[in-house]
Amino acid sequence: MIYITRKETFCAAHKLSRPDWSLEKNLEIFGKCSNPNWHGHNYTLWITVKGEVNPETGFVANLAEVSNIIRVNVLDKVDHRNLDLDVDFMKGKLSSTEVLAMEIWKQLQQPINALGCSLHCVKLQETEKNSVEYFG
């Protein structure tokens, strides 16, 4: 088994808030991330796939194909968008980094697996100090 990772970046806005909570409670729980006027991040996304090396190509997966899958299924939907308002797979969900990583997994798992390898990890960095890893 071998693992290979593709790194991508995107910019997106969001806010952390629950509509069923008051402004005060959202501020207490989510702090400045609950700003009613939104805020943005420059995200870094690492997608790791795993599998056996194909003896004909020397690849676990063709990274050009992996990159295209990431672009079509995730980046084209999130880059320079509002995660809460514009992104179909985030509708009605809290746009925390944790939830976003899980939803990105759902967008990629089937098309990555169709390449003959398996999705191993979605790592999403929101800031220099904060990142999450999701393994399905």
C-alpha atoms as a PDB file:
ATOM      1  CA  MET A   1       0.000   0.000   0.000  1.00  0.00           C
ATOM      2  CA  ILE A   2       1.301   3.445  -0.919  1.00  0.00           C
ATOM      3  CA  TYR A   3      -0.126   6.910  -0.280  1.00  0.00           C
ATOM      4  CA  ILE A   4       0.085   9.946  -2.544  1.00  0.00           C
ATOM      5  CA  THR A   5      -1.165  13.458  -1.826  1.00  0.00           C
ATOM      6  CA  ARG A   6      -2.335  16.324  -4.007  1.00  0.00           C
ATOM      7  CA  LYS A   7      -2.266  19.867  -2.562  1.00  0.00           C
ATOM      8  CA  GLU A   8      -4.702  22.551  -3.697  1.00  0.00           C
ATOM      9  CA  THR A   9      -5.734  25.990  -2.433  1.00  0.00           C
ATOM     10  CA  PHE A  10      -8.909  28.047  -2.461  1.00  0.00           C
ATOM     11  CA  CYS A  11     -10.345  31.200  -0.934  1.00  0.00           C
ATOM     12  CA  ALA A  12     -13.810  31.288   0.592  1.00  0.00           C
ATOM     13  CA  ALA A  13     -15.980  33.252   2.992  1.00  0.00           C
ATOM     14  CA  HIS A  14     -18.218  31.942   5.749  1.00  0.00           C
ATOM     15  CA  LYS A  15     -19.514  32.658   9.213  1.00  0.00           C
ATOM     16  CA  LEU A  16     -20.064  30.393  12.143  1.00  0.00           C
ATOM     17  CA  SER A  17     -23.512  30.920  13.575  1.00  0.00           C
ATOM     18  CA  ARG A  18     -26.679  29.069  14.312  1.00  0.00           C
ATOM     19  CA  PRO A  19     -29.901  30.794  13.236  1.00  0.00           C
ATOM     20  CA  ASP A  20     -31.699  29.351  16.266  1.00  0.00           C
ATOM     21  CA  TRP A  21     -29.290  31.160  18.631  1.00  0.00           C
ATOM     22  CA  SER A  22     -29.212  34.826  19.531  1.00  0.00           C
ATOM     23  CA  LEU A  23     -26.438  37.109  18.267  1.00  0.00           C
ATOM     24  CA  GLU A  24     -25.072  37.138  21.806  1.00  0.00           C
ATOM     25  CA  LYS A  25     -24.930  33.347  22.096  1.00  0.00           C
ATOM     26  CA  ASN A  26     -23.326  33.017  18.641  1.00  0.00           C
ATOM     27  CA  LEU A  27     -20.710  35.578  19.681  1.00  0.00           C
ATOM     28  CA  GLU A  28     -20.119  33.750  22.979  1.00  0.00           C
ATOM     29  CA  ILE A  29     -19.622  30.358  21.289  1.00  0.00           C
ATOM     30  CA  PHE A  30     -18.062  31.291  17.933  1.00  0.00           C
ATOM     31  CA  GLY A  31     -16.390  34.605  18.777  1.00  0.00           C
ATOM     32  CA  LYS A  32     -15.381  36.868  15.900  1.00  0.00           C
ATOM     33  CA  CYS A  33     -16.101  34.006  13.461  1.00  0.00           C
ATOM     34  CA  SER A  34     -19.812  34.769  13.971  1.00  0.00           C
ATOM     35  CA  ASN A  35     -19.434  38.226  12.387  1.00  0.00           C
ATOM     36  CA  PRO A  36     -22.786  38.927  10.668  1.00  0.00           C
ATOM     37  CA  ASN A  37     -20.847  40.353   7.700  1.00  0.00           C
ATOM     38  CA  TRP A  38     -18.889  37.134   7.133  1.00  0.00           C
ATOM     39  CA  HIS A  39     -15.118  36.633   6.993  1.00  0.00           C
ATOM     40  CA  GLY A  40     -12.776  34.764   4.692  1.00  0.00           C
ATOM     41  CA  HIS A  41      -9.897  32.308   4.661  1.00  0.00           C
ATOM     42  CA  ASN A  42      -7.196  31.173   2.270  1.00  0.00           C
ATOM     43  CA  TYR A  43      -7.634  27.423   2.650  1.00  0.00           C
ATOM     44  CA  THR A  44      -5.092  24.737   1.818  1.00  0.00           C
ATOM     45  CA  LEU A  45      -6.486  21.327   0.938  1.00  0.00           C
ATOM     46  CA  TRP A  46      -4.533  18.073   0.832  1.00  0.00           C
ATOM     47  CA  ILE A  47      -6.199  15.016  -0.696  1.00  0.00           C
ATOM     48  CA  THR A  48      -4.445  11.712  -0.024  1.00  0.00           C
ATOM     49  CA  VAL A  49      -5.266   8.583  -1.971  1.00  0.00           C
ATOM     50  CA  LYS A  50      -3.949   5.085  -1.356  1.00  0.00           C
ATOM     51  CA  GLY A  51      -3.564   1.885  -3.279  1.00  0.00           C
ATOM     52  CA  GLU A  52      -1.134  -0.420  -4.973  1.00  0.00           C
ATOM     53  CA  VAL A  53       1.259   0.819  -7.627  1.00  0.00           C
ATOM     54  CA  ASN A  54       0.156  -0.091 -11.141  1.00  0.00           C
ATOM     55  CA  PRO A  55       3.148  -1.936 -12.645  1.00  0.00           C
ATOM     56  CA  GLU A  56       2.401  -0.528 -16.127  1.00  0.00           C
ATOM     57  CA  THR A  57       2.333   3.149 -15.086  1.00  0.00           C
ATOM     58  CA  GLY A  58       4.193   3.230 -11.782  1.00  0.00           C
ATOM     59  CA  PHE A  59       1.236   5.222 -10.378  1.00  0.00           C
ATOM     60  CA  VAL A  60      -1.214   4.634  -7.561  1.00  0.00           C
ATOM     61  CA  ALA A  61      -3.335   7.168  -9.418  1.00  0.00           C
ATOM     62  CA  ASN A  62      -2.652   9.666 -12.159  1.00  0.00           C
ATOM     63  CA  LEU A  63      -2.395  12.944 -10.223  1.00  0.00           C
ATOM     64  CA  ALA A  64      -3.670  14.884 -13.233  1.00  0.00           C
ATOM     65  CA  GLU A  65      -6.910  12.880 -12.949  1.00  0.00           C
ATOM     66  CA  VAL A  66      -7.019  13.350  -9.172  1.00  0.00           C
ATOM     67  CA  SER A  67      -6.501  17.097  -9.615  1.00  0.00           C
ATOM     68  CA  ASN A  68      -9.309  17.259 -12.172  1.00  0.00           C
ATOM     69  CA  ILE A  69     -11.679  15.406  -9.819  1.00  0.00           C
ATOM     70  CA  ILE A  70     -10.825  17.830  -7.002  1.00  0.00           C
ATOM     71  CA  ARG A  71     -11.321  20.828  -9.304  1.00  0.00           C
ATOM     72  CA  VAL A  72     -14.673  19.724 -10.735  1.00  0.00           C
ATOM     73  CA  ASN A  73     -16.194  18.377  -7.513  1.00  0.00           C
ATOM     74  CA  VAL A  74     -14.828  20.859  -4.970  1.00  0.00           C
ATOM     75  CA  LEU A  75     -12.695  23.793  -6.131  1.00  0.00           C
ATOM     76  CA  ASP A  76     -15.043  25.045  -8.854  1.00  0.00           C
ATOM     77  CA  LYS A  77     -17.804  25.104  -6.221  1.00  0.00           C
ATOM     78  CA  VAL A  78     -15.942  26.717  -3.294  1.00  0.00           C
ATOM     79  CA  ASP A  79     -13.215  28.994  -4.652  1.00  0.00           C
ATOM     80  CA  HIS A  80     -14.061  32.680  -4.166  1.00  0.00           C
ATOM     81  CA  ARG A  81     -17.513  31.725  -2.900  1.00  0.00           C
ATOM     82  CA  ASN A  82     -19.490  32.067   0.292  1.00  0.00           C
ATOM     83  CA  LEU A  83     -19.590  28.564   1.784  1.00  0.00           C
ATOM     84  CA  ASP A  84     -22.891  29.258   3.530  1.00  0.00           C
ATOM     85  CA  LEU A  85     -24.737  30.820   0.598  1.00  0.00           C
ATOM     86  CA  ASP A  86     -23.166  29.580  -2.644  1.00  0.00           C
ATOM     87  CA  VAL A  87     -21.997  25.996  -2.127  1.00  0.00           C
ATOM     88  CA  ASP A  88     -24.577  23.304  -2.840  1.00  0.00           C
ATOM     89  CA  PHE A  89     -23.018  20.639  -0.643  1.00  0.00           C
ATOM     90  CA  MET A  90     -22.812  23.021   2.354  1.00  0.00           C
ATOM     91  CA  LYS A  91     -26.447  24.198   2.294  1.00  0.00           C
ATOM     92  CA  GLY A  92     -27.983  23.966   5.751  1.00  0.00           C
ATOM     93  CA  LYS A  93     -24.725  22.890   7.391  1.00  0.00           C
ATOM     94  CA  LEU A  94     -22.490  24.715   9.844  1.00  0.00           C
ATOM     95  CA  SER A  95     -19.443  25.773   7.837  1.00  0.00           C
ATOM     96  CA  SER A  96     -16.796  24.842  10.396  1.00  0.00           C
ATOM     97  CA  THR A  97     -13.551  23.447   9.039  1.00  0.00           C
ATOM     98  CA  GLU A  98     -14.496  20.047  10.466  1.00  0.00           C
ATOM     99  CA  VAL A  99     -17.830  19.927   8.651  1.00  0.00           C
ATOM    100  CA  LEU A 100     -16.310  21.287   5.443  1.00  0.00           C
ATOM    101  CA  ALA A 101     -13.657  18.541   5.450  1.00  0.00           C
ATOM    102  CA  MET A 102     -16.334  15.856   5.920  1.00  0.00           C
ATOM    103  CA  GLU A 103     -18.449  17.295   3.115  1.00  0.00           C
ATOM    104  CA  ILE A 104     -15.431  17.505   0.777  1.00  0.00           C
ATOM    105  CA  TRP A 105     -14.827  13.796   1.495  1.00  0.00           C
ATOM    106  CA  LYS A 106     -18.388  13.034   0.378  1.00  0.00           C
ATOM    107  CA  GLN A 107     -17.809  14.930  -2.883  1.00  0.00           C
ATOM    108  CA  LEU A 108     -14.578  13.071  -3.680  1.00  0.00           C
ATOM    109  CA  GLN A 109     -14.939   9.516  -2.393  1.00  0.00           C
ATOM    110  CA  GLN A 110     -16.848   7.978  -5.298  1.00  0.00           C
ATOM    111  CA  PRO A 111     -14.957   9.625  -8.181  1.00  0.00           C
ATOM    112  CA  ILE A 112     -11.569   8.935  -6.535  1.00  0.00           C
ATOM    113  CA  ASN A 113     -12.483   5.301  -5.916  1.00  0.00           C
ATOM    114  CA  ALA A 114     -13.509   5.016  -9.588  1.00  0.00           C
ATOM    115  CA  LEU A 115      -9.834   5.593 -10.467  1.00  0.00           C
ATOM    116  CA  GLY A 116      -8.951   2.242  -8.878  1.00  0.00           C
ATOM    117  CA  CYS A 117      -7.514   3.663  -5.665  1.00  0.00           C
ATOM    118  CA  SER A 118      -9.133   4.764  -2.406  1.00  0.00           C
ATOM    119  CA  LEU A 119      -9.580   8.126  -0.767  1.00  0.00           C
ATOM    120  CA  HIS A 120      -7.498   8.012   2.429  1.00  0.00           C
ATOM    121  CA  CYS A 121      -7.564  11.515   3.935  1.00  0.00           C
ATOM    122  CA  VAL A 122      -8.922  15.005   3.469  1.00  0.00           C
ATOM    123  CA  LYS A 123      -6.747  17.535   5.294  1.00  0.00           C
ATOM    124  CA  LEU A 124      -7.989  21.092   5.350  1.00  0.00           C
ATOM    125  CA  GLN A 125      -6.013  24.015   6.749  1.00  0.00           C
ATOM    126  CA  GLU A 126      -8.078  27.088   7.564  1.00  0.00           C
ATOM    127  CA  THR A 127      -5.340  29.236   9.123  1.00  0.00           C
ATOM    128  CA  GLU A 128      -1.631  28.877   9.838  1.00  0.00           C
ATOM    129  CA  LYS A 129      -2.589  27.517  13.247  1.00  0.00           C
ATOM    130  CA  ASN A 130      -5.724  25.453  12.509  1.00  0.00           C
ATOM    131  CA  SER A 131      -6.224  22.373  10.361  1.00  0.00           C
ATOM    132  CA  VAL A 132      -8.302  19.213  10.430  1.00  0.00           C
ATOM    133  CA  GLU A 133      -7.812  15.747   8.988  1.00  0.00           C
ATOM    134  CA  TYR A 134     -10.734  13.475   8.092  1.00  0.00           C
ATOM    135  CA  PHE A 135     -10.360   9.791   7.270  1.00  0.00           C
ATOM    136  CA  GLY A 136     -13.955   8.965   6.433  1.00  0.00           C
END
